[in-house]
Amino acid sequence: MVQAIKVIHRITWESESSVIAIVWKKTFSAAGYAASRPSYPASLFKTVLKYHNAQNANGTALDLGCGHGLISRELSPYFAKTIATDPSPGMVAQAKDTTDDAKIEIQQANAEDLSFLPDKSVDLVVSGQAAHWFDYGKAWPEIARVVKSGGSMAFWGYKDNVLVGHPNANKIFDKFSYGEEDVAPGVESMGSYWEQPGRGLLRRLLTDVVPPSSQWEDVERIMYDVNAEATEADLKDAWMIRETTLGGFESYVRTASSYLGWKLAHPERKSRAEGGDGDIVDMLMDEVVASEPTWKEMGDNWRDANVKTVWGSFILMAKRK
């Protein structure tokens, strides 16, 4: 089921992930990532902007880990300038290709080095599905330096998704994603290819990340957790929901950093789409399809099966003192 938790409180991290090196590799498709990853609902941006409570549209927003630029494009109408940054040149190129907005400046940079920005030059700093990679020992001082007093920060993201109403399929997905034992004789799971501690932070909905009380106040967390047993009745408070197909779910799994790492470690196991006997995602989907009689009955057309998926998610917000 989905558990909705809203925590509002005042309260009075390691290295940049090497997963970034994976997404820089030529095998990574930024366009495929953009197409397969979930988008954010309007309610998320309304929540962040309400918390920010800007009195005019003359401010500057900073998007850390902008990916293909979705968040920057959503925020641009509310700011005079939006600066979109990402450490991956592939993502920066994708953001530039898909962004036609003179108010958005896109450049390669990471959260630990914002030296291109003057002190107190940013009104709102955001990060969607990237803050679990930050080296907070370096990132917090830089973020605090560039954000104006009274300005805001908002980090949000999502952890593993589940297929609503399909607990058996979800347990199979978890086994292939995190299992410590081989998923088949001589075939290891993707578990050891998640970059840590980042993935752990994400799976804990970023609760380990605490804005320094000497610099930030009015900390607010909004969290929605989810597990394998989620049903339609549990979705009332969830905001990361997507109608998709089993084929769409398969494409999404192939964008995971753990899959990319597994693929690099096992080049001999080619996917069926590549003319091989099948890689770990092919094996995963074989078991997922077999777990539901209606999917199995579809034969080679199983990718057309309609499913609903939901992600555990979080928003962390704070005000600069």
Protein backbone atom coordinates (compact mmCIF):
# COMPACT_ATOMS: atom_id res chain seq x y z
CA MET A 1 0.00 0.00 0.00
CA VAL A 2 0.95 3.65 -0.31
CA GLN A 3 1.71 5.47 2.88
CA ALA A 4 1.41 9.25 2.78
CA ILE A 5 3.45 11.19 5.30
CA LYS A 6 3.68 14.94 5.63
CA VAL A 7 6.26 16.24 8.05
CA ILE A 8 6.65 19.98 8.58
CA HIS A 9 9.27 21.00 11.09
CA ARG A 10 12.06 23.41 11.83
CA ILE A 11 15.34 21.64 12.30
CA THR A 12 17.85 23.37 14.09
CA TRP A 13 26.96 13.57 2.65
CA GLU A 14 29.49 11.21 -0.51
CA SER A 15 31.42 11.93 -3.52
CA GLU A 16 29.88 12.81 -6.89
CA SER A 17 28.58 9.48 -8.07
CA SER A 18 30.59 7.52 -10.55
CA VAL A 19 27.27 6.65 -12.14
CA ILE A 20 27.71 9.95 -13.97
CA ALA A 21 30.60 8.29 -15.80
CA ILE A 22 28.18 5.62 -16.93
CA VAL A 23 25.69 8.04 -18.39
CA TRP A 24 28.48 9.82 -20.23
CA LYS A 25 29.29 6.66 -22.14
CA LYS A 26 28.19 6.40 -25.76
CA THR A 27 25.91 3.50 -24.90
CA PHE A 28 23.65 5.83 -22.92
CA SER A 29 20.74 7.40 -24.79
CA ALA A 30 19.72 10.75 -23.31
CA ALA A 31 16.74 10.81 -25.66
CA GLY A 32 15.67 7.35 -24.52
CA TYR A 33 16.06 8.44 -20.90
CA ALA A 34 13.85 11.46 -21.51
CA ALA A 35 11.16 9.36 -23.20
CA SER A 36 11.08 6.61 -20.55
CA ARG A 37 11.35 8.57 -17.33
CA PRO A 38 8.20 9.86 -15.60
CA SER A 39 7.23 13.53 -15.75
CA TYR A 40 6.26 15.58 -12.72
CA PRO A 41 2.65 16.61 -12.09
CA ALA A 42 1.55 20.24 -12.00
CA SER A 43 0.77 19.83 -8.30
CA LEU A 44 4.48 19.37 -7.52
CA PHE A 45 5.43 22.70 -9.09
CA LYS A 46 2.48 24.40 -7.40
CA THR A 47 3.68 23.06 -4.05
CA VAL A 48 7.24 24.31 -4.59
CA LEU A 49 6.19 27.72 -5.88
CA LYS A 50 3.70 28.18 -3.04
CA TYR A 51 6.42 27.40 -0.53
CA HIS A 52 8.84 29.76 -2.32
CA ASN A 53 6.14 32.44 -2.23
CA ALA A 54 7.88 34.84 -4.63
CA GLN A 55 6.33 38.29 -4.79
CA ASN A 56 7.44 38.99 -8.36
CA ALA A 57 8.82 37.29 -11.47
CA ASN A 58 12.17 39.10 -11.50
CA GLY A 59 14.10 36.39 -9.72
CA THR A 60 16.56 33.71 -10.78
CA ALA A 61 16.03 29.96 -10.50
CA LEU A 62 18.85 27.39 -10.50
CA ASP A 63 18.17 23.81 -11.61
CA LEU A 64 20.87 21.39 -10.42
CA GLY A 65 21.10 18.12 -12.36
CA CYS A 66 18.66 19.41 -14.95
CA GLY A 67 18.74 16.29 -17.13
CA HIS A 68 16.86 16.97 -20.33
CA GLY A 69 15.57 20.31 -19.00
CA LEU A 70 12.00 19.46 -18.05
CA ILE A 71 12.07 21.22 -14.69
CA SER A 72 13.72 24.36 -16.04
CA ARG A 73 11.09 24.65 -18.75
CA GLU A 74 8.31 24.31 -16.18
CA LEU A 75 9.81 26.97 -13.88
CA SER A 76 10.81 29.48 -16.56
CA PRO A 77 7.45 31.36 -16.72
CA TYR A 78 7.80 32.28 -13.06
CA PHE A 79 11.34 33.71 -13.18
CA ALA A 80 13.23 36.31 -15.18
CA LYS A 81 16.06 33.80 -15.63
CA THR A 82 16.51 30.07 -15.10
CA ILE A 83 19.97 28.48 -15.04
CA ALA A 84 19.95 24.77 -15.90
CA THR A 85 23.06 22.74 -15.05
CA ASP A 86 24.04 19.09 -15.35
CA PRO A 87 27.43 17.33 -15.05
CA SER A 88 26.66 15.13 -18.06
CA PRO A 89 27.49 16.59 -21.50
CA GLY A 90 24.95 14.21 -23.03
CA MET A 91 22.20 15.54 -20.83
CA VAL A 92 23.26 19.13 -21.48
CA ALA A 93 23.08 18.48 -25.22
CA GLN A 94 19.64 16.90 -24.84
CA ALA A 95 18.41 19.86 -22.76
CA LYS A 96 19.62 22.30 -25.42
CA ASP A 97 17.97 20.28 -28.19
CA THR A 98 14.61 20.26 -26.44
CA THR A 99 14.59 23.77 -24.96
CA ASP A 100 13.56 26.84 -26.94
CA ASP A 101 13.40 29.53 -24.29
CA ALA A 102 15.64 32.60 -24.24
CA LYS A 103 15.17 32.88 -20.48
CA ILE A 104 16.85 29.51 -19.84
CA GLU A 105 20.66 29.30 -19.72
CA ILE A 106 22.02 25.73 -19.97
CA GLN A 107 25.55 24.73 -19.05
CA GLN A 108 27.63 21.83 -17.81
CA ALA A 109 28.31 22.11 -14.09
CA ASN A 110 27.76 20.24 -10.86
CA ALA A 111 26.35 21.16 -7.47
CA GLU A 112 29.76 21.09 -5.81
CA ASP A 113 31.18 23.91 -7.94
CA LEU A 114 28.95 26.89 -8.66
CA SER A 115 31.88 29.31 -9.01
CA PHE A 116 30.33 30.74 -12.19
CA LEU A 117 27.59 32.27 -10.03
CA PRO A 118 27.99 35.36 -7.81
CA ASP A 119 27.13 35.31 -4.14
CA LYS A 120 23.44 35.72 -3.32
CA SER A 121 22.38 35.64 -6.97
CA VAL A 122 19.75 32.88 -6.85
CA ASP A 123 16.22 33.09 -5.50
CA LEU A 124 15.23 29.43 -5.80
CA VAL A 125 17.48 26.39 -6.23
CA VAL A 126 15.85 23.10 -7.22
CA SER A 127 16.96 19.58 -8.03
CA GLY A 128 14.73 16.83 -9.37
CA GLN A 129 15.96 13.23 -9.05
CA ALA A 130 19.61 14.33 -8.69
CA ALA A 131 20.16 15.46 -5.10
CA HIS A 132 21.03 11.94 -3.92
CA TRP A 133 24.28 12.21 -5.93
CA PHE A 134 25.55 15.41 -4.32
CA ASP A 135 28.68 15.53 -2.19
CA TYR A 136 27.03 17.59 0.51
CA GLY A 137 30.29 18.50 2.20
CA LYS A 138 30.97 20.63 -0.87
CA ALA A 139 27.46 21.22 -2.17
CA TRP A 140 25.87 22.77 0.91
CA PRO A 141 28.42 25.62 1.19
CA GLU A 142 28.10 26.40 -2.53
CA ILE A 143 24.32 26.31 -2.52
CA ALA A 144 24.14 28.47 0.59
CA ARG A 145 26.60 30.94 -0.95
CA VAL A 146 24.55 31.56 -4.09
CA VAL A 147 21.06 31.62 -2.57
CA LYS A 148 19.79 34.95 -1.29
CA SER A 149 18.62 35.38 2.26
CA GLY A 150 14.93 34.55 2.22
CA GLY A 151 15.39 32.43 -0.90
CA SER A 152 14.37 28.80 -1.10
CA MET A 153 15.64 25.34 -1.96
CA ALA A 154 13.52 22.40 -3.11
CA PHE A 155 14.87 18.92 -3.82
CA TRP A 156 12.53 16.18 -4.98
CA GLY A 157 12.65 12.75 -6.54
CA TYR A 158 11.36 9.23 -6.57
CA LYS A 159 12.55 5.76 -5.64
CA ASP A 160 11.61 2.39 -7.11
CA ASN A 161 8.25 2.10 -8.80
CA VAL A 162 5.74 -0.71 -8.50
CA LEU A 163 3.08 -2.02 -10.85
CA VAL A 164 -0.24 -1.29 -9.18
CA GLY A 165 -2.18 -4.44 -8.32
CA HIS A 166 0.59 -6.84 -9.38
CA PRO A 167 2.46 -7.89 -6.21
CA ASN A 168 4.02 -11.00 -7.79
CA ALA A 169 5.52 -8.95 -10.63
CA ASN A 170 6.80 -6.41 -8.11
CA LYS A 171 8.55 -9.08 -6.06
CA ILE A 172 10.23 -10.36 -9.23
CA PHE A 173 11.31 -6.80 -10.10
CA ASP A 174 12.80 -6.37 -6.63
CA LYS A 175 14.67 -9.69 -6.91
CA PHE A 176 16.27 -8.67 -10.20
CA SER A 177 16.96 -5.11 -9.00
CA TYR A 178 18.31 -5.71 -5.51
CA GLY A 179 18.61 -9.45 -4.84
CA GLU A 180 21.86 -10.66 -3.34
CA GLU A 181 21.57 -14.10 -4.94
CA ASP A 182 21.89 -14.92 -8.64
CA VAL A 183 18.62 -14.55 -10.53
CA ALA A 184 19.59 -17.61 -12.58
CA PRO A 185 22.59 -19.94 -12.48
CA GLY A 186 25.63 -17.79 -13.16
CA VAL A 187 23.56 -14.61 -13.66
CA GLU A 188 23.90 -11.99 -10.94
CA SER A 189 21.21 -9.44 -10.19
CA MET A 190 21.61 -5.72 -10.82
CA GLY A 191 21.86 -5.10 -7.07
CA SER A 192 25.61 -4.53 -6.87
CA TYR A 193 25.51 -2.04 -9.75
CA TRP A 194 23.52 0.61 -7.92
CA GLU A 195 25.87 3.40 -6.96
CA GLN A 196 25.98 3.77 -3.22
CA PRO A 197 25.37 5.55 -0.96
CA GLY A 198 23.24 7.52 -3.44
CA ARG A 199 20.73 4.78 -4.15
CA GLY A 200 20.26 4.10 -0.48
CA LEU A 201 19.57 7.78 0.13
CA LEU A 202 16.94 7.73 -2.58
CA ARG A 203 15.26 4.59 -1.29
CA ARG A 204 15.00 6.29 2.09
CA LEU A 205 13.35 9.27 0.39
CA LEU A 206 16.34 11.53 1.17
CA THR A 207 15.60 11.56 4.89
CA ASP A 208 19.36 11.36 5.57
CA VAL A 209 19.88 14.74 3.92
CA VAL A 210 19.37 17.56 6.40
CA PRO A 211 19.88 21.23 5.43
CA PRO A 212 22.42 22.78 7.86
CA SER A 213 20.50 24.63 10.54
CA SER A 214 23.11 27.41 10.54
CA GLN A 215 22.07 28.33 7.00
CA TRP A 216 18.54 27.00 6.48
CA GLU A 217 15.24 27.16 8.33
CA ASP A 218 11.56 26.29 7.90
CA VAL A 219 12.43 22.83 6.65
CA GLU A 220 9.49 20.95 5.18
CA ARG A 221 9.36 17.35 3.94
CA ILE A 222 6.52 15.76 2.00
CA MET A 223 6.89 12.01 1.49
CA TYR A 224 4.84 9.27 -0.12
CA ASP A 225 6.06 5.71 0.38
CA VAL A 226 4.93 2.66 -1.58
CA ASN A 227 5.43 -1.09 -1.53
CA ALA A 228 4.80 -4.19 -3.64
CA GLU A 229 1.23 -4.60 -2.43
CA ALA A 230 0.00 -1.22 -3.74
CA THR A 231 -3.53 -1.25 -5.15
CA GLU A 232 -5.77 1.38 -6.76
CA ALA A 233 -7.26 2.17 -3.38
CA ASP A 234 -3.83 3.23 -2.08
CA LEU A 235 -3.16 5.90 -4.71
CA LYS A 236 -5.20 8.78 -3.29
CA ASP A 237 -2.21 10.73 -1.99
CA ALA A 238 0.44 9.59 -4.49
CA TRP A 239 1.60 12.15 -7.07
CA MET A 240 4.04 10.08 -9.17
CA ILE A 241 1.65 7.86 -11.14
CA ARG A 242 1.88 6.84 -14.80
CA GLU A 243 -0.36 4.94 -17.17
CA THR A 244 1.94 2.87 -19.37
CA THR A 245 2.40 -0.57 -20.90
CA LEU A 246 4.62 -3.49 -20.04
CA GLY A 247 6.76 -2.40 -22.98
CA GLY A 248 7.02 1.07 -21.44
CA PHE A 249 7.94 -0.48 -18.09
CA GLU A 250 10.67 -2.52 -19.82
CA SER A 251 12.05 0.62 -21.49
CA TYR A 252 12.07 2.40 -18.12
CA VAL A 253 14.08 -0.42 -16.49
CA ARG A 254 16.65 -0.13 -19.27
CA THR A 255 17.33 3.51 -18.25
CA ALA A 256 18.35 2.52 -14.70
CA SER A 257 21.99 3.11 -13.81
CA SER A 258 22.14 -0.40 -12.32
CA TYR A 259 21.16 -1.91 -15.67
CA LEU A 260 23.73 0.21 -17.51
CA GLY A 261 26.38 -0.93 -15.03
CA TRP A 262 25.32 -4.57 -15.35
CA LYS A 263 25.39 -4.26 -19.14
CA LEU A 264 28.91 -2.86 -19.14
CA ALA A 265 30.05 -5.70 -16.88
CA HIS A 266 28.42 -8.38 -19.04
CA PRO A 267 28.94 -7.38 -22.69
CA GLU A 268 28.67 -11.04 -23.72
CA ARG A 269 25.00 -11.12 -22.69
CA LYS A 270 23.31 -9.26 -25.51
CA SER A 271 19.64 -8.41 -25.43
CA ARG A 272 17.27 -10.08 -27.84
CA ALA A 273 16.80 -6.70 -29.54
CA GLU A 274 20.55 -6.78 -30.24
CA GLY A 275 20.31 -10.28 -31.71
CA GLY A 276 21.51 -12.05 -28.57
CA ASP A 277 19.99 -14.71 -26.37
CA GLY A 278 18.79 -12.14 -23.87
CA ASP A 279 20.19 -9.94 -21.13
CA ILE A 280 19.00 -9.46 -17.56
CA VAL A 281 16.03 -7.27 -18.50
CA ASP A 282 14.85 -9.83 -21.01
CA MET A 283 15.05 -12.42 -18.23
CA LEU A 284 13.24 -10.10 -15.84
CA MET A 285 10.40 -9.50 -18.27
CA ASP A 286 10.10 -13.22 -19.01
CA GLU A 287 9.39 -13.84 -15.33
CA VAL A 288 7.14 -10.79 -14.97
CA VAL A 289 4.99 -11.84 -17.94
CA ALA A 290 4.78 -15.42 -16.65
CA SER A 291 3.55 -14.12 -13.26
CA GLU A 292 0.21 -12.98 -14.71
CA PRO A 293 -1.91 -15.41 -16.78
CA THR A 294 -3.48 -12.60 -18.82
CA TRP A 295 -0.05 -11.27 -19.80
CA LYS A 296 1.21 -14.76 -20.61
CA GLU A 297 -1.83 -15.38 -22.82
CA MET A 298 -0.85 -12.36 -24.94
CA GLY A 299 2.19 -14.23 -26.23
CA ASP A 300 4.56 -12.03 -28.21
CA ASN A 301 2.18 -9.08 -27.76
CA TRP A 302 2.74 -8.81 -24.00
CA ARG A 303 4.37 -5.40 -24.40
CA ASP A 304 0.95 -3.99 -25.27
CA ALA A 305 -0.53 -4.87 -21.89
CA ASN A 306 -1.74 -1.74 -20.08
CA VAL A 307 -0.43 -1.18 -16.55
CA LYS A 308 -0.34 1.57 -13.98
CA THR A 309 2.86 2.28 -12.08
CA VAL A 310 3.49 4.43 -9.00
CA TRP A 311 6.72 5.65 -7.42
CA GLY A 312 7.61 6.37 -3.82
CA SER A 313 8.46 10.09 -3.77
CA PHE A 314 9.59 13.06 -1.70
CA ILE A 315 9.98 16.83 -1.64
CA LEU A 316 12.48 18.51 0.69
CA MET A 317 12.22 22.30 1.01
CA ALA A 318 13.93 24.92 3.14
CA LYS A 319 14.40 28.69 3.42
CA ARG A 320 17.77 30.45 3.41
CA LYS A 321 18.39 32.39 6.61
